[in-house]
Amino acid sequence: MGLFYSATLFIRNKFSRRFGLIFTIFFIIFFVALLVGLIGITFSRTIIIIGQKIIRIGLLIDLSILIYGTWKLEEN
């Protein structure tokens, strides 16, 4: 789903390419978060916890930028 949304953001002229790139980064970070959650049992617990925190912060930043961009688009 994230792949299709990313492609749509790049194709549509309504959004700038910057938001397509940001959503692509969001999609990749989210995918990595899912992989860490699924295969994290075999790794060290400390590495999993640190990885989860970094992923959550990245998701928060990316999603905040996307929400702000969509809000500004709706105002115009």
C-alpha atoms as a PDB file:
ATOM      1  CA  MET A   1       0.000   0.000   0.000  1.00  0.00           C
ATOM      2  CA  GLY A   2       2.803   2.398   0.894  1.00  0.00           C
ATOM      3  CA  LEU A   3       4.470   1.708  -2.428  1.00  0.00           C
ATOM      4  CA  PHE A   4       1.304   2.673  -4.319  1.00  0.00           C
ATOM      5  CA  TYR A   5       0.818   5.828  -2.233  1.00  0.00           C
ATOM      6  CA  SER A   6       4.422   6.819  -2.890  1.00  0.00           C
ATOM      7  CA  ALA A   7       3.968   6.319  -6.623  1.00  0.00           C
ATOM      8  CA  THR A   8       0.756   8.349  -6.553  1.00  0.00           C
ATOM      9  CA  LEU A   9       2.432  11.234  -4.732  1.00  0.00           C
ATOM     10  CA  PHE A  10       5.166  11.307  -7.364  1.00  0.00           C
ATOM     11  CA  ILE A  11       2.680  11.167 -10.257  1.00  0.00           C
ATOM     12  CA  ARG A  12       0.175  13.754  -8.996  1.00  0.00           C
ATOM     13  CA  ASN A  13       1.064  17.401  -9.522  1.00  0.00           C
ATOM     14  CA  LYS A  14      -0.983  18.477  -6.507  1.00  0.00           C
ATOM     15  CA  PHE A  15       1.771  17.454  -4.082  1.00  0.00           C
ATOM     16  CA  SER A  16       5.399  18.458  -4.452  1.00  0.00           C
ATOM     17  CA  ARG A  17       7.998  15.768  -5.048  1.00  0.00           C
ATOM     18  CA  ARG A  18       9.364  16.519  -1.591  1.00  0.00           C
ATOM     19  CA  PHE A  19       6.275  14.956  -0.007  1.00  0.00           C
ATOM     20  CA  GLY A  20       6.574  11.916  -2.236  1.00  0.00           C
ATOM     21  CA  LEU A  21      10.136  11.463  -1.033  1.00  0.00           C
ATOM     22  CA  ILE A  22       9.141  11.987   2.606  1.00  0.00           C
ATOM     23  CA  PHE A  23       6.334   9.430   2.291  1.00  0.00           C
ATOM     24  CA  THR A  24       8.735   6.975   0.651  1.00  0.00           C
ATOM     25  CA  ILE A  25      11.090   7.388   3.622  1.00  0.00           C
ATOM     26  CA  PHE A  26       8.102   6.914   5.957  1.00  0.00           C
ATOM     27  CA  PHE A  27       7.167   3.728   4.104  1.00  0.00           C
ATOM     28  CA  ILE A  28      10.705   2.335   4.328  1.00  0.00           C
ATOM     29  CA  ILE A  29      11.014   3.136   8.042  1.00  0.00           C
ATOM     30  CA  PHE A  30       7.622   1.545   8.729  1.00  0.00           C
ATOM     31  CA  PHE A  31       8.613  -1.559   6.761  1.00  0.00           C
ATOM     32  CA  VAL A  32      11.843  -1.851   8.756  1.00  0.00           C
ATOM     33  CA  ALA A  33       9.820  -1.463  11.972  1.00  0.00           C
ATOM     34  CA  LEU A  34       7.640  -4.384  10.946  1.00  0.00           C
ATOM     35  CA  LEU A  35      10.678  -6.501  10.158  1.00  0.00           C
ATOM     36  CA  VAL A  36      12.289  -5.669  13.501  1.00  0.00           C
ATOM     37  CA  GLY A  37       9.078  -6.667  15.234  1.00  0.00           C
ATOM     38  CA  LEU A  38       8.812  -9.936  13.333  1.00  0.00           C
ATOM     39  CA  ILE A  39      12.409 -11.137  13.446  1.00  0.00           C
ATOM     40  CA  GLY A  40      13.521  -9.260  16.539  1.00  0.00           C
ATOM     41  CA  ILE A  41      13.368 -12.356  18.720  1.00  0.00           C
ATOM     42  CA  THR A  42      16.699 -13.608  17.366  1.00  0.00           C
ATOM     43  CA  PHE A  43      18.594 -10.361  18.092  1.00  0.00           C
ATOM     44  CA  SER A  44      19.820  -8.819  21.302  1.00  0.00           C
ATOM     45  CA  ARG A  45      17.085  -7.216  23.379  1.00  0.00           C
ATOM     46  CA  THR A  46      19.062  -3.968  23.703  1.00  0.00           C
ATOM     47  CA  ILE A  47      19.459  -3.628  19.926  1.00  0.00           C
ATOM     48  CA  ILE A  48      15.730  -4.228  19.449  1.00  0.00           C
ATOM     49  CA  ILE A  49      14.781  -1.561  22.010  1.00  0.00           C
ATOM     50  CA  ILE A  50      17.155   1.046  20.584  1.00  0.00           C
ATOM     51  CA  GLY A  51      15.998   0.230  17.055  1.00  0.00           C
ATOM     52  CA  GLN A  52      12.360   0.606  18.042  1.00  0.00           C
ATOM     53  CA  LYS A  53      13.014   4.023  19.596  1.00  0.00           C
ATOM     54  CA  ILE A  54      14.860   5.267  16.501  1.00  0.00           C
ATOM     55  CA  ILE A  55      12.102   3.948  14.244  1.00  0.00           C
ATOM     56  CA  ARG A  56       9.352   5.561  16.342  1.00  0.00           C
ATOM     57  CA  ILE A  57      11.099   8.937  16.301  1.00  0.00           C
ATOM     58  CA  GLY A  58      11.576   8.686  12.526  1.00  0.00           C
ATOM     59  CA  LEU A  59       7.924   7.801  12.031  1.00  0.00           C
ATOM     60  CA  LEU A  60       6.840  10.699  14.229  1.00  0.00           C
ATOM     61  CA  ILE A  61       8.955  13.206  12.296  1.00  0.00           C
ATOM     62  CA  ASP A  62       7.921  11.909   8.860  1.00  0.00           C
ATOM     63  CA  LEU A  63       4.248  11.743   9.711  1.00  0.00           C
ATOM     64  CA  SER A  64       4.311  15.235  11.246  1.00  0.00           C
ATOM     65  CA  ILE A  65       5.811  16.668   8.050  1.00  0.00           C
ATOM     66  CA  LEU A  66       3.230  14.875   5.900  1.00  0.00           C
ATOM     67  CA  ILE A  67       0.329  16.058   8.063  1.00  0.00           C
ATOM     68  CA  TYR A  68       1.607  19.640   7.992  1.00  0.00           C
ATOM     69  CA  GLY A  69       1.989  19.520   4.195  1.00  0.00           C
ATOM     70  CA  THR A  70      -1.513  18.157   3.726  1.00  0.00           C
ATOM     71  CA  TRP A  71      -2.914  20.784   6.075  1.00  0.00           C
ATOM     72  CA  LYS A  72      -1.193  23.561   4.105  1.00  0.00           C
ATOM     73  CA  LEU A  73      -2.502  22.068   0.855  1.00  0.00           C
ATOM     74  CA  GLU A  74      -6.056  22.092   2.208  1.00  0.00           C
ATOM     75  CA  GLU A  75      -5.719  25.773   3.233  1.00  0.00           C
ATOM     76  CA  ASN A  76      -4.862  26.768  -0.335  1.00  0.00           C
END
